[in-house]
Each structure stands twice: as C-alpha cells, then as structure tokens.
Amino acid sequence: LPISLGTPASSGMNLGTHTVDMMLGTLQFENLNANNGGSLNASIGTMTLGGGTVNVNNVAMTTKTSGSTPINGAGTASFGTFTMNGGNLIVNSSFVMTNVNTSAGTTLLNSGFNLNGGTATINSDITEIGSSAANNFITLGGGTLNMLGHNIGSAANPITFNANSGTLANVAGINGGGLTKSTAGTLFLSGVNTYTADTNVGSGMLVVNGSLPSTSNVNITSGGALGGNGNGTTTGVVGNISLQTGGELQPGATGADGSAGTLTASNLTVSGGDLRFDLSGTAGGTDRVTVNGNASFTGASTITPIFQGPAQNGTYTLLT
C-alpha cells in the first residue's frame, strides 16, 4: 500500500497523540508533477509520529518532476518533513531524500527527518538523489537511529546531519566520512560503527558505549567531551583519542558525574584539556581509561577527581 502526502496541494498527517500500526509499500512526501507551472508553499507533505509502528519498504521524500514550464517556488521552507516523537519506524529497502528532475529556474525543495523520540531502524543507505545543492537534513534530537551498517548521505550528495542528542547506532559512514558533533547535548554511539574517518567532537558530549574501529581517530576539541563504557572488546571501544585544549575526557556510560566506567582506546594523546574521573573506594566505582598502545602527554592538562560524597583516601588507577 503506497501513501503519498502532498499530492499536489499541501497536506499532512499528524499522529502525534495517537498510536498507529501501518505496513506500507512506499511512504512518499510531496509528490508534485507540474508541467504547467504552479506555486509551492511551505509544509507540503508532512507526517508526525508519536507512537505505534510504521513498517515500510521505501521512503521517498520530496519527489518533484517539472516540465517545460518551471515551477515557481513560493518558499524555501521544509518540503517533505517526517517528525518522530515516539513509536517505531522500520525501513526495509530504501530511504531517498529529494529526488528532483528540474528544468531551468526551478526551486530545489528541501526535505527533513526530525527524530526526537522512538526508534528508527533503517535497513538501507539514506541517500540524496538530485542536486548536491539541496539542503536536506536529518536532526537527531532524541530517540534512536539504527542504521544497521548503512550510510547517511555520500561525499557527492551530502545530507546535513545534526547530531544533537539521542542514540546513533551501527553507522557505516556519514557523507563519505565520519561523525562530527558540533552542537550541544549528549549523543550516544552504540553498536558496531565501521567508518574509519575521523570522529570530531567540538560541542556537547559523545558517549561511545558501542565501538569504533581501532585505527580511527577521535578528536576532542574545545567545548567537546568524550565518554563511554564497555567490556573493552566489543563495547566502550574507540581508536586513537586526541584530547586538546578546552576538551574533556570523562569515562562512564552516561557521561555524567557518578556514572563510572571504563573507556578503551588504541592510543591516547593529551595536548590539553581536562580528564574528569569518578573516584570511589567501592569496586567498579572509579573511572578508567585503558590504552592498548601508547599514552602521550604533550601539553598542559588537568585531572578533576569527582567523589560521590566525602573524598576518600586511597590509591586509584585511572589509566592503564
């Protein structure tokens, strides 16, 4: 069963206060075939999901075909927007953003996927087809985006990925590279993430409770923080950590004080920043960084001990 939103006029489906279960062939946002021109308005083809499950083979966002007469875009706001505040989205075959066949003078349409809650399980790459100038976006502001070993965007056709908060799992790559966290909030990285490009944390906190390849680099710059916890083999594992001035390294499963844990790295280079450790006389209550290779301290840095209660005398192992 195909469902098309925005064909051809403005339309939307708001399931934010209801629970729905649907099994679909194709879920399509903003499908406009205009050979005689026309005016496009904002908020065309929108859906908000608050509960239940949408199980779909294909998602197509902002599909537009124009003939000899250009479409006169009336606005540049979001066209084809899917917002999840809860529930489950399962995509089995394809997830395409902005499939555009334009004629001269046509305004490109932007599509967006806002994940604020619930779980989106995507068994395909999320691709952008059409012009690389299209400003398609995915905003992870809560919930879980599980890519099942697939990619978000590509180097040739990138998709803006706003990694604010929530959980990102099992991603193979983002726009042909790695993850960049440049916004506030705590983002959890879980599962097996296979991209070997750099992970850059310049704002907010990234908590790695899953794994990154042992050869990849994790750069923590001013305003960014890195946490994580796991068994050191398949979970809580990263590659080469570079802690720089203004950055913070804080092991633990939540990235908050009082959440003790062990983060395992291939190598550690500290040229500045702060190493923040929970300390406790109770077994398992002290943070630790385990380095399988070399640990190098090349610049001034600080260590901030955190006790949950009065400070306790003792010997604490923070780095092995």
C-alpha atoms as a PDB file:
ATOM      1  CA  LEU A   1       0.000   0.000   0.000  1.00  0.00           C
ATOM      2  CA  PRO A   2       1.565   3.347  -1.004  1.00  0.00           C
ATOM      3  CA  ILE A   3       0.780   6.525   0.934  1.00  0.00           C
ATOM      4  CA  SER A   4       1.591   9.884  -0.650  1.00  0.00           C
ATOM      5  CA  LEU A   5       1.481  13.154   1.299  1.00  0.00           C
ATOM      6  CA  GLY A   6       1.320  16.459  -0.557  1.00  0.00           C
ATOM      7  CA  THR A   7      -0.109  15.407  -3.922  1.00  0.00           C
ATOM      8  CA  PRO A   8      -0.364  18.001  -5.241  1.00  0.00           C
ATOM      9  CA  ALA A   9      -1.526  20.513  -2.610  1.00  0.00           C
ATOM     10  CA  SER A  10      -0.361  20.981   0.949  1.00  0.00           C
ATOM     11  CA  SER A  11      -1.235  18.025   3.109  1.00  0.00           C
ATOM     12  CA  GLY A  12      -0.039  16.335   6.223  1.00  0.00           C
ATOM     13  CA  MET A  13      -0.643  13.534   8.687  1.00  0.00           C
ATOM     14  CA  ASN A  14      -0.237  14.222  12.404  1.00  0.00           C
ATOM     15  CA  LEU A  15      -0.248  11.108  14.551  1.00  0.00           C
ATOM     16  CA  GLY A  16       1.498  12.777  17.453  1.00  0.00           C
ATOM     17  CA  THR A  17      -1.217  11.993  20.010  1.00  0.00           C
ATOM     18  CA  HIS A  18      -2.266   8.615  18.647  1.00  0.00           C
ATOM     19  CA  THR A  19      -0.865   5.130  18.295  1.00  0.00           C
ATOM     20  CA  VAL A  20      -0.779   3.695  14.795  1.00  0.00           C
ATOM     21  CA  ASP A  21       0.486   0.498  13.209  1.00  0.00           C
ATOM     22  CA  MET A  22       0.955   0.522   9.423  1.00  0.00           C
ATOM     23  CA  MET A  23       2.629  -1.777   6.921  1.00  0.00           C
ATOM     24  CA  LEU A  24       3.311   0.107   3.702  1.00  0.00           C
ATOM     25  CA  GLY A  25       4.978  -0.369   0.357  1.00  0.00           C
ATOM     26  CA  THR A  26       6.033   3.261  -0.144  1.00  0.00           C
ATOM     27  CA  LEU A  27       5.716   6.314   2.085  1.00  0.00           C
ATOM     28  CA  GLN A  28       6.091   9.361  -0.156  1.00  0.00           C
ATOM     29  CA  PHE A  29       6.249  13.011   0.894  1.00  0.00           C
ATOM     30  CA  GLU A  30       5.446  15.840  -1.587  1.00  0.00           C
ATOM     31  CA  ASN A  31       4.941  14.278  -4.976  1.00  0.00           C
ATOM     32  CA  LEU A  32       4.292  17.068  -7.496  1.00  0.00           C
ATOM     33  CA  ASN A  33       4.174  16.631 -11.265  1.00  0.00           C
ATOM     34  CA  ALA A  34       3.761  20.090 -12.756  1.00  0.00           C
ATOM     35  CA  ASN A  35       4.065  20.535 -16.494  1.00  0.00           C
ATOM     36  CA  ASN A  36       2.105  23.772 -16.465  1.00  0.00           C
ATOM     37  CA  GLY A  37       3.826  25.556 -13.640  1.00  0.00           C
ATOM     38  CA  GLY A  38       2.464  26.085 -10.162  1.00  0.00           C
ATOM     39  CA  SER A  39       3.231  27.583  -6.813  1.00  0.00           C
ATOM     40  CA  LEU A  40       4.685  25.552  -3.969  1.00  0.00           C
ATOM     41  CA  ASN A  41       4.030  26.521  -0.377  1.00  0.00           C
ATOM     42  CA  ALA A  42       5.794  25.598   2.846  1.00  0.00           C
ATOM     43  CA  SER A  43       5.000  22.488   4.896  1.00  0.00           C
ATOM     44  CA  ILE A  44       3.976  20.313   1.963  1.00  0.00           C
ATOM     45  CA  GLY A  45       3.817  16.617   2.748  1.00  0.00           C
ATOM     46  CA  THR A  46       4.394  16.289   6.483  1.00  0.00           C
ATOM     47  CA  MET A  47       3.972  13.449   8.939  1.00  0.00           C
ATOM     48  CA  THR A  48       4.356  13.355  12.735  1.00  0.00           C
ATOM     49  CA  LEU A  49       4.552  10.011  14.535  1.00  0.00           C
ATOM     50  CA  GLY A  50       4.069   9.761  18.283  1.00  0.00           C
ATOM     51  CA  GLY A  51       3.509   6.046  18.836  1.00  0.00           C
ATOM     52  CA  GLY A  52       2.947   2.678  17.228  1.00  0.00           C
ATOM     53  CA  THR A  53       4.885   1.233  14.321  1.00  0.00           C
ATOM     54  CA  VAL A  54       5.268   2.231  10.683  1.00  0.00           C
ATOM     55  CA  ASN A  55       6.814  -0.647   8.732  1.00  0.00           C
ATOM     56  CA  VAL A  56       7.602   0.456   5.178  1.00  0.00           C
ATOM     57  CA  ASN A  57       9.668  -0.830   2.275  1.00  0.00           C
ATOM     58  CA  ASN A  58      10.531   2.567   0.762  1.00  0.00           C
ATOM     59  CA  VAL A  59      10.580   6.174   1.962  1.00  0.00           C
ATOM     60  CA  ALA A  60      10.691   8.885  -0.733  1.00  0.00           C
ATOM     61  CA  MET A  61      10.887  12.487   0.462  1.00  0.00           C
ATOM     62  CA  THR A  62      10.231  15.434  -1.870  1.00  0.00           C
ATOM     63  CA  THR A  63       9.778  13.908  -5.293  1.00  0.00           C
ATOM     64  CA  LYS A  64       9.254  16.612  -7.907  1.00  0.00           C
ATOM     65  CA  THR A  65       9.035  16.450 -11.681  1.00  0.00           C
ATOM     66  CA  SER A  66       8.729  19.593 -13.769  1.00  0.00           C
ATOM     67  CA  GLY A  67       8.132  20.018 -17.462  1.00  0.00           C
ATOM     68  CA  SER A  68       8.956  22.853 -19.810  1.00  0.00           C
ATOM     69  CA  THR A  69       7.391  25.458 -17.548  1.00  0.00           C
ATOM     70  CA  PRO A  70       9.428  25.956 -14.362  1.00  0.00           C
ATOM     71  CA  ILE A  71       7.744  25.591 -11.013  1.00  0.00           C
ATOM     72  CA  ASN A  72       7.709  28.914  -9.190  1.00  0.00           C
ATOM     73  CA  GLY A  73       8.753  28.001  -5.677  1.00  0.00           C
ATOM     74  CA  ALA A  74       6.950  30.290  -3.261  1.00  0.00           C
ATOM     75  CA  GLY A  75       9.167  29.473  -0.297  1.00  0.00           C
ATOM     76  CA  THR A  76      12.282  27.669   0.805  1.00  0.00           C
ATOM     77  CA  ALA A  77      10.912  26.127   3.985  1.00  0.00           C
ATOM     78  CA  SER A  78      10.833  22.415   4.551  1.00  0.00           C
ATOM     79  CA  PHE A  79       9.067  20.317   1.932  1.00  0.00           C
ATOM     80  CA  GLY A  80       8.506  16.713   2.860  1.00  0.00           C
ATOM     81  CA  THR A  81       9.111  16.506   6.594  1.00  0.00           C
ATOM     82  CA  PHE A  82       8.880  13.436   8.794  1.00  0.00           C
ATOM     83  CA  THR A  83       8.979  14.075  12.552  1.00  0.00           C
ATOM     84  CA  MET A  84       9.182  11.246  15.071  1.00  0.00           C
ATOM     85  CA  ASN A  85       8.386  11.968  18.704  1.00  0.00           C
ATOM     86  CA  GLY A  86       7.853   8.314  19.592  1.00  0.00           C
ATOM     87  CA  GLY A  87       6.968   4.934  18.167  1.00  0.00           C
ATOM     88  CA  ASN A  88       8.925   2.892  15.663  1.00  0.00           C
ATOM     89  CA  LEU A  89       9.873   3.378  12.027  1.00  0.00           C
ATOM     90  CA  ILE A  90      11.171   0.356  10.120  1.00  0.00           C
ATOM     91  CA  VAL A  91      12.510   0.958   6.597  1.00  0.00           C
ATOM     92  CA  ASN A  92      13.269  -2.240   4.710  1.00  0.00           C
ATOM     93  CA  SER A  93      14.563  -1.254   1.250  1.00  0.00           C
ATOM     94  CA  SER A  94      15.283   2.429   0.526  1.00  0.00           C
ATOM     95  CA  PHE A  95      15.249   5.903   2.084  1.00  0.00           C
ATOM     96  CA  VAL A  96      15.624   8.670  -0.503  1.00  0.00           C
ATOM     97  CA  MET A  97      15.639  12.423   0.137  1.00  0.00           C
ATOM     98  CA  THR A  98      14.967  14.894  -2.703  1.00  0.00           C
ATOM     99  CA  ASN A  99      14.506  13.014  -5.934  1.00  0.00           C
ATOM    100  CA  VAL A 100      14.488  16.010  -8.292  1.00  0.00           C
ATOM    101  CA  ASN A 101      14.105  16.296 -12.061  1.00  0.00           C
ATOM    102  CA  THR A 102      14.325  20.027 -12.675  1.00  0.00           C
ATOM    103  CA  SER A 103      14.039  22.416 -15.560  1.00  0.00           C
ATOM    104  CA  ALA A 104      15.778  25.801 -15.718  1.00  0.00           C
ATOM    105  CA  GLY A 105      14.780  28.134 -12.948  1.00  0.00           C
ATOM    106  CA  THR A 106      13.195  25.508 -10.741  1.00  0.00           C
ATOM    107  CA  THR A 107      13.482  25.948  -6.986  1.00  0.00           C
ATOM    108  CA  LEU A 108      15.007  22.940  -5.257  1.00  0.00           C
ATOM    109  CA  LEU A 109      12.943  21.520  -2.438  1.00  0.00           C
ATOM    110  CA  ASN A 110      14.345  20.566   0.941  1.00  0.00           C
ATOM    111  CA  SER A 111      13.291  17.532   2.926  1.00  0.00           C
ATOM    112  CA  GLY A 112      13.918  16.780   6.568  1.00  0.00           C
ATOM    113  CA  PHE A 113      13.770  13.922   9.052  1.00  0.00           C
ATOM    114  CA  ASN A 114      13.465  15.005  12.696  1.00  0.00           C
ATOM    115  CA  LEU A 115      13.993  12.192  15.196  1.00  0.00           C
ATOM    116  CA  ASN A 116      13.083  13.385  18.687  1.00  0.00           C
ATOM    117  CA  GLY A 117      11.930  10.099  20.199  1.00  0.00           C
ATOM    118  CA  GLY A 118      11.212   6.488  19.382  1.00  0.00           C
ATOM    119  CA  THR A 119      13.360   4.206  17.239  1.00  0.00           C
ATOM    120  CA  ALA A 120      14.078   4.408  13.512  1.00  0.00           C
ATOM    121  CA  THR A 121      15.600   1.222  12.088  1.00  0.00           C
ATOM    122  CA  ILE A 122      16.913   1.805   8.566  1.00  0.00           C
ATOM    123  CA  ASN A 123      17.984  -1.208   6.509  1.00  0.00           C
ATOM    124  CA  SER A 124      19.412   0.835   3.624  1.00  0.00           C
ATOM    125  CA  ASP A 125      21.588   3.845   2.959  1.00  0.00           C
ATOM    126  CA  ILE A 126      19.842   7.183   3.413  1.00  0.00           C
ATOM    127  CA  THR A 127      20.575   8.833   0.091  1.00  0.00           C
ATOM    128  CA  GLU A 128      20.154  12.229  -1.531  1.00  0.00           C
ATOM    129  CA  ILE A 129      19.369  11.976  -5.228  1.00  0.00           C
ATOM    130  CA  GLY A 130      19.412  15.082  -7.385  1.00  0.00           C
ATOM    131  CA  SER A 131      21.367  18.290  -6.925  1.00  0.00           C
ATOM    132  CA  SER A 132      24.056  18.399  -4.263  1.00  0.00           C
ATOM    133  CA  ALA A 133      22.862  21.963  -3.575  1.00  0.00           C
ATOM    134  CA  ALA A 134      19.690  20.657  -1.949  1.00  0.00           C
ATOM    135  CA  ASN A 135      19.654  21.341   1.793  1.00  0.00           C
ATOM    136  CA  ASN A 136      18.225  18.059   3.028  1.00  0.00           C
ATOM    137  CA  PHE A 137      18.719  17.345   6.691  1.00  0.00           C
ATOM    138  CA  ILE A 138      18.441  14.791   9.455  1.00  0.00           C
ATOM    139  CA  THR A 139      18.245  16.068  13.021  1.00  0.00           C
ATOM    140  CA  LEU A 140      18.801  13.564  15.801  1.00  0.00           C
ATOM    141  CA  GLY A 141      17.402  15.214  18.921  1.00  0.00           C
ATOM    142  CA  GLY A 142      16.398  12.107  20.874  1.00  0.00           C
ATOM    143  CA  GLY A 143      15.379   8.533  20.307  1.00  0.00           C
ATOM    144  CA  THR A 144      17.494   6.021  18.389  1.00  0.00           C
ATOM    145  CA  LEU A 145      18.640   5.983  14.774  1.00  0.00           C
ATOM    146  CA  ASN A 146      19.859   2.471  13.966  1.00  0.00           C
ATOM    147  CA  MET A 147      21.480   2.336  10.528  1.00  0.00           C
ATOM    148  CA  LEU A 148      22.134  -1.435  10.555  1.00  0.00           C
ATOM    149  CA  GLY A 149      25.552  -0.986   8.929  1.00  0.00           C
ATOM    150  CA  HIS A 150      24.470   1.540   6.283  1.00  0.00           C
ATOM    151  CA  ASN A 151      25.471   5.093   5.312  1.00  0.00           C
ATOM    152  CA  ILE A 152      23.945   8.523   5.773  1.00  0.00           C
ATOM    153  CA  GLY A 153      24.492  10.595   2.619  1.00  0.00           C
ATOM    154  CA  SER A 154      27.602  10.448   0.458  1.00  0.00           C
ATOM    155  CA  ALA A 155      30.561  12.664  -0.402  1.00  0.00           C
ATOM    156  CA  ALA A 156      28.972  13.604  -3.735  1.00  0.00           C
ATOM    157  CA  ASN A 157      25.471  14.158  -2.331  1.00  0.00           C
ATOM    158  CA  PRO A 158      25.766  15.036   1.345  1.00  0.00           C
ATOM    159  CA  ILE A 159      22.896  15.271   3.803  1.00  0.00           C
ATOM    160  CA  THR A 160      23.177  17.711   6.697  1.00  0.00           C
ATOM    161  CA  PHE A 161      23.345  15.588   9.842  1.00  0.00           C
ATOM    162  CA  ASN A 162      22.658  17.414  13.106  1.00  0.00           C
ATOM    163  CA  ALA A 163      23.938  15.150  15.879  1.00  0.00           C
ATOM    164  CA  ASN A 164      22.325  16.822  18.872  1.00  0.00           C
ATOM    165  CA  SER A 165      21.288  14.061  21.273  1.00  0.00           C
ATOM    166  CA  GLY A 166      19.788  10.588  21.415  1.00  0.00           C
ATOM    167  CA  THR A 167      21.458   7.416  20.132  1.00  0.00           C
ATOM    168  CA  LEU A 168      23.155   6.689  16.810  1.00  0.00           C
ATOM    169  CA  ALA A 169      23.897   3.027  16.166  1.00  0.00           C
ATOM    170  CA  ASN A 170      25.646   0.841  13.581  1.00  0.00           C
ATOM    171  CA  VAL A 171      26.545   3.543  11.070  1.00  0.00           C
ATOM    172  CA  ALA A 172      28.953   2.813   8.203  1.00  0.00           C
ATOM    173  CA  GLY A 173      29.657   6.442   7.292  1.00  0.00           C
ATOM    174  CA  ILE A 174      28.276   9.963   7.161  1.00  0.00           C
ATOM    175  CA  ASN A 175      28.636  11.808   3.858  1.00  0.00           C
ATOM    176  CA  GLY A 176      31.611   9.676   2.948  1.00  0.00           C
ATOM    177  CA  GLY A 177      33.374  10.426   6.221  1.00  0.00           C
ATOM    178  CA  GLY A 178      32.922  10.225   9.965  1.00  0.00           C
ATOM    179  CA  LEU A 179      30.779  11.765  12.657  1.00  0.00           C
ATOM    180  CA  THR A 180      31.043  15.433  13.585  1.00  0.00           C
ATOM    181  CA  LYS A 181      29.347  16.628  16.758  1.00  0.00           C
ATOM    182  CA  SER A 182      29.162  20.411  16.747  1.00  0.00           C
ATOM    183  CA  THR A 183      26.012  21.061  18.794  1.00  0.00           C
ATOM    184  CA  ALA A 184      25.155  20.905  22.488  1.00  0.00           C
ATOM    185  CA  GLY A 185      23.616  17.796  24.021  1.00  0.00           C
ATOM    186  CA  THR A 186      24.687  14.228  24.727  1.00  0.00           C
ATOM    187  CA  LEU A 187      24.853  11.787  21.828  1.00  0.00           C
ATOM    188  CA  PHE A 188      25.285   8.063  22.467  1.00  0.00           C
ATOM    189  CA  LEU A 189      27.109   5.958  19.890  1.00  0.00           C
ATOM    190  CA  SER A 190      26.171   2.296  20.197  1.00  0.00           C
ATOM    191  CA  GLY A 191      26.542  -0.889  18.183  1.00  0.00           C
ATOM    192  CA  VAL A 192      29.325  -1.548  15.680  1.00  0.00           C
ATOM    193  CA  ASN A 193      30.242   1.616  13.770  1.00  0.00           C
ATOM    194  CA  THR A 194      32.594   0.795  10.912  1.00  0.00           C
ATOM    195  CA  TYR A 195      33.657   4.124   9.402  1.00  0.00           C
ATOM    196  CA  THR A 196      37.391   4.793   9.636  1.00  0.00           C
ATOM    197  CA  ALA A 197      37.278   8.562   9.061  1.00  0.00           C
ATOM    198  CA  ASP A 198      37.741  10.951  11.994  1.00  0.00           C
ATOM    199  CA  THR A 199      35.172  11.482  14.707  1.00  0.00           C
ATOM    200  CA  ASN A 200      35.238  15.146  15.747  1.00  0.00           C
ATOM    201  CA  VAL A 201      33.652  16.363  18.976  1.00  0.00           C
ATOM    202  CA  GLY A 202      33.636  20.147  19.262  1.00  0.00           C
ATOM    203  CA  SER A 203      30.466  20.723  21.267  1.00  0.00           C
ATOM    204  CA  GLY A 204      28.396  18.683  23.688  1.00  0.00           C
ATOM    205  CA  MET A 205      29.296  15.135  24.659  1.00  0.00           C
ATOM    206  CA  LEU A 206      29.737  11.934  22.684  1.00  0.00           C
ATOM    207  CA  VAL A 207      29.367   8.743  24.730  1.00  0.00           C
ATOM    208  CA  VAL A 208      30.698   5.625  22.991  1.00  0.00           C
ATOM    209  CA  ASN A 209      29.077   2.576  24.550  1.00  0.00           C
ATOM    210  CA  GLY A 210      29.462   0.690  21.269  1.00  0.00           C
ATOM    211  CA  SER A 211      32.617   0.527  19.179  1.00  0.00           C
ATOM    212  CA  LEU A 212      34.664   2.427  16.616  1.00  0.00           C
ATOM    213  CA  PRO A 213      37.475   0.915  14.507  1.00  0.00           C
ATOM    214  CA  SER A 214      40.816   0.689  16.278  1.00  0.00           C
ATOM    215  CA  THR A 215      42.510   2.717  13.522  1.00  0.00           C
ATOM    216  CA  SER A 216      40.076   5.647  13.564  1.00  0.00           C
ATOM    217  CA  ASN A 217      40.758   8.985  15.260  1.00  0.00           C
ATOM    218  CA  VAL A 218      38.574  10.705  17.850  1.00  0.00           C
ATOM    219  CA  ASN A 219      39.426  14.403  18.204  1.00  0.00           C
ATOM    220  CA  ILE A 220      38.107  16.231  21.266  1.00  0.00           C
ATOM    221  CA  THR A 221      38.434  19.969  20.815  1.00  0.00           C
ATOM    222  CA  SER A 222      37.331  22.982  22.845  1.00  0.00           C
ATOM    223  CA  GLY A 223      33.733  22.621  24.023  1.00  0.00           C
ATOM    224  CA  GLY A 224      33.581  18.894  23.317  1.00  0.00           C
ATOM    225  CA  ALA A 225      33.632  15.910  25.651  1.00  0.00           C
ATOM    226  CA  LEU A 226      34.065  12.163  25.226  1.00  0.00           C
ATOM    227  CA  GLY A 227      32.703   9.430  27.475  1.00  0.00           C
ATOM    228  CA  GLY A 228      31.944   5.758  27.171  1.00  0.00           C
ATOM    229  CA  ASN A 229      31.908   2.421  28.912  1.00  0.00           C
ATOM    230  CA  GLY A 230      32.105  -1.237  27.996  1.00  0.00           C
ATOM    231  CA  ASN A 231      33.935  -4.517  28.149  1.00  0.00           C
ATOM    232  CA  GLY A 232      36.907  -3.199  26.165  1.00  0.00           C
ATOM    233  CA  THR A 233      36.494  -5.689  23.346  1.00  0.00           C
ATOM    234  CA  THR A 234      33.179  -5.050  21.618  1.00  0.00           C
ATOM    235  CA  THR A 235      31.776  -2.187  23.681  1.00  0.00           C
ATOM    236  CA  GLY A 236      33.242   1.031  25.023  1.00  0.00           C
ATOM    237  CA  VAL A 237      35.976   0.873  22.375  1.00  0.00           C
ATOM    238  CA  VAL A 238      37.429   3.722  20.293  1.00  0.00           C
ATOM    239  CA  GLY A 239      40.518   4.272  18.184  1.00  0.00           C
ATOM    240  CA  ASN A 240      43.102   6.998  18.742  1.00  0.00           C
ATOM    241  CA  ILE A 241      41.958   9.700  21.165  1.00  0.00           C
ATOM    242  CA  SER A 242      43.325  13.230  20.807  1.00  0.00           C
ATOM    243  CA  LEU A 243      42.380  15.411  23.792  1.00  0.00           C
ATOM    244  CA  GLN A 244      43.040  19.043  23.008  1.00  0.00           C
ATOM    245  CA  THR A 245      42.797  22.362  24.854  1.00  0.00           C
ATOM    246  CA  GLY A 246      39.276  23.013  26.113  1.00  0.00           C
ATOM    247  CA  GLY A 247      38.167  19.419  25.579  1.00  0.00           C
ATOM    248  CA  GLU A 248      37.158  16.904  28.210  1.00  0.00           C
ATOM    249  CA  LEU A 249      37.617  13.162  28.630  1.00  0.00           C
ATOM    250  CA  GLN A 250      35.147  11.612  31.078  1.00  0.00           C
ATOM    251  CA  PRO A 251      34.671   7.834  31.018  1.00  0.00           C
ATOM    252  CA  GLY A 252      31.293   6.447  32.001  1.00  0.00           C
ATOM    253  CA  ALA A 253      28.122   5.046  30.471  1.00  0.00           C
ATOM    254  CA  THR A 254      26.134   8.288  30.631  1.00  0.00           C
ATOM    255  CA  GLY A 255      28.814  10.955  30.513  1.00  0.00           C
ATOM    256  CA  ALA A 256      27.555  12.401  33.793  1.00  0.00           C
ATOM    257  CA  ASP A 257      29.294  12.585  37.165  1.00  0.00           C
ATOM    258  CA  GLY A 258      28.631   9.467  39.196  1.00  0.00           C
ATOM    259  CA  SER A 259      28.420   7.181  36.172  1.00  0.00           C
ATOM    260  CA  ALA A 260      31.688   5.303  36.465  1.00  0.00           C
ATOM    261  CA  GLY A 261      33.001   3.220  33.601  1.00  0.00           C
ATOM    262  CA  THR A 262      35.956   2.108  31.513  1.00  0.00           C
ATOM    263  CA  LEU A 263      36.719   3.520  28.059  1.00  0.00           C
ATOM    264  CA  THR A 264      39.225   1.608  25.933  1.00  0.00           C
ATOM    265  CA  ALA A 265      41.361   3.318  23.264  1.00  0.00           C
ATOM    266  CA  SER A 266      44.050   2.264  20.822  1.00  0.00           C
ATOM    267  CA  ASN A 267      46.229   5.260  21.673  1.00  0.00           C
ATOM    268  CA  LEU A 268      45.843   8.422  23.737  1.00  0.00           C
ATOM    269  CA  THR A 269      47.438  11.807  23.042  1.00  0.00           C
ATOM    270  CA  VAL A 270      46.784  14.630  25.502  1.00  0.00           C
ATOM    271  CA  SER A 271      47.884  18.105  24.426  1.00  0.00           C
ATOM    272  CA  GLY A 272      45.496  19.938  26.752  1.00  0.00           C
ATOM    273  CA  GLY A 273      42.040  19.720  28.230  1.00  0.00           C
ATOM    274  CA  ASP A 274      40.672  18.026  31.325  1.00  0.00           C
ATOM    275  CA  LEU A 275      40.476  14.382  32.356  1.00  0.00           C
ATOM    276  CA  ARG A 276      37.470  14.024  34.656  1.00  0.00           C
ATOM    277  CA  PHE A 277      37.279  10.853  36.746  1.00  0.00           C
ATOM    278  CA  ASP A 278      34.779   9.485  39.234  1.00  0.00           C
ATOM    279  CA  LEU A 279      36.636   8.100  42.243  1.00  0.00           C
ATOM    280  CA  SER A 280      35.258   5.606  44.737  1.00  0.00           C
ATOM    281  CA  GLY A 281      36.535   3.074  47.238  1.00  0.00           C
ATOM    282  CA  THR A 282      33.798   0.732  46.028  1.00  0.00           C
ATOM    283  CA  ALA A 283      34.782  -1.819  43.398  1.00  0.00           C
ATOM    284  CA  GLY A 284      33.790  -0.620  39.939  1.00  0.00           C
ATOM    285  CA  GLY A 285      33.109   2.889  41.154  1.00  0.00           C
ATOM    286  CA  THR A 286      36.192   4.533  39.632  1.00  0.00           C
ATOM    287  CA  ASP A 287      36.545   5.702  36.050  1.00  0.00           C
ATOM    288  CA  ARG A 288      39.361   4.316  33.975  1.00  0.00           C
ATOM    289  CA  VAL A 289      40.885   4.763  30.523  1.00  0.00           C
ATOM    290  CA  THR A 290      42.528   1.641  29.139  1.00  0.00           C
ATOM    291  CA  VAL A 291      45.048   2.265  26.351  1.00  0.00           C
ATOM    292  CA  ASN A 292      46.149  -0.677  24.261  1.00  0.00           C
ATOM    293  CA  GLY A 293      49.001   1.249  22.642  1.00  0.00           C
ATOM    294  CA  ASN A 294      50.746   4.447  23.732  1.00  0.00           C
ATOM    295  CA  ALA A 295      49.636   7.249  26.055  1.00  0.00           C
ATOM    296  CA  SER A 296      51.388  10.574  25.398  1.00  0.00           C
ATOM    297  CA  PHE A 297      51.003  13.783  27.385  1.00  0.00           C
ATOM    298  CA  THR A 298      52.447  16.559  25.253  1.00  0.00           C
ATOM    299  CA  GLY A 299      50.844  19.659  26.769  1.00  0.00           C
ATOM    300  CA  ALA A 300      49.426  21.067  29.983  1.00  0.00           C
ATOM    301  CA  SER A 301      46.252  19.331  31.103  1.00  0.00           C
ATOM    302  CA  THR A 302      44.278  18.836  34.301  1.00  0.00           C
ATOM    303  CA  ILE A 303      42.766  15.926  36.193  1.00  0.00           C
ATOM    304  CA  THR A 304      39.496  16.588  38.020  1.00  0.00           C
ATOM    305  CA  PRO A 305      38.567  13.982  40.664  1.00  0.00           C
ATOM    306  CA  ILE A 306      34.854  13.519  41.395  1.00  0.00           C
ATOM    307  CA  PHE A 307      33.714  11.899  44.631  1.00  0.00           C
ATOM    308  CA  GLN A 308      30.107  10.989  45.305  1.00  0.00           C
ATOM    309  CA  GLY A 309      30.266  12.128  48.917  1.00  0.00           C
ATOM    310  CA  PRO A 310      33.325  12.948  51.066  1.00  0.00           C
ATOM    311  CA  ALA A 311      36.735  12.439  49.498  1.00  0.00           C
ATOM    312  CA  GLN A 312      38.256   9.093  50.385  1.00  0.00           C
ATOM    313  CA  ASN A 313      41.960   8.482  50.877  1.00  0.00           C
ATOM    314  CA  GLY A 314      43.353   5.700  48.767  1.00  0.00           C
ATOM    315  CA  THR A 315      45.077   4.678  45.567  1.00  0.00           C
ATOM    316  CA  TYR A 316      43.087   4.945  42.376  1.00  0.00           C
ATOM    317  CA  THR A 317      44.115   3.569  38.983  1.00  0.00           C
ATOM    318  CA  LEU A 318      42.913   5.951  36.282  1.00  0.00           C
ATOM    319  CA  LEU A 319      44.993   4.963  33.269  1.00  0.00           C
ATOM    320  CA  THR A 320      46.284   1.564  32.239  1.00  0.00           C
END
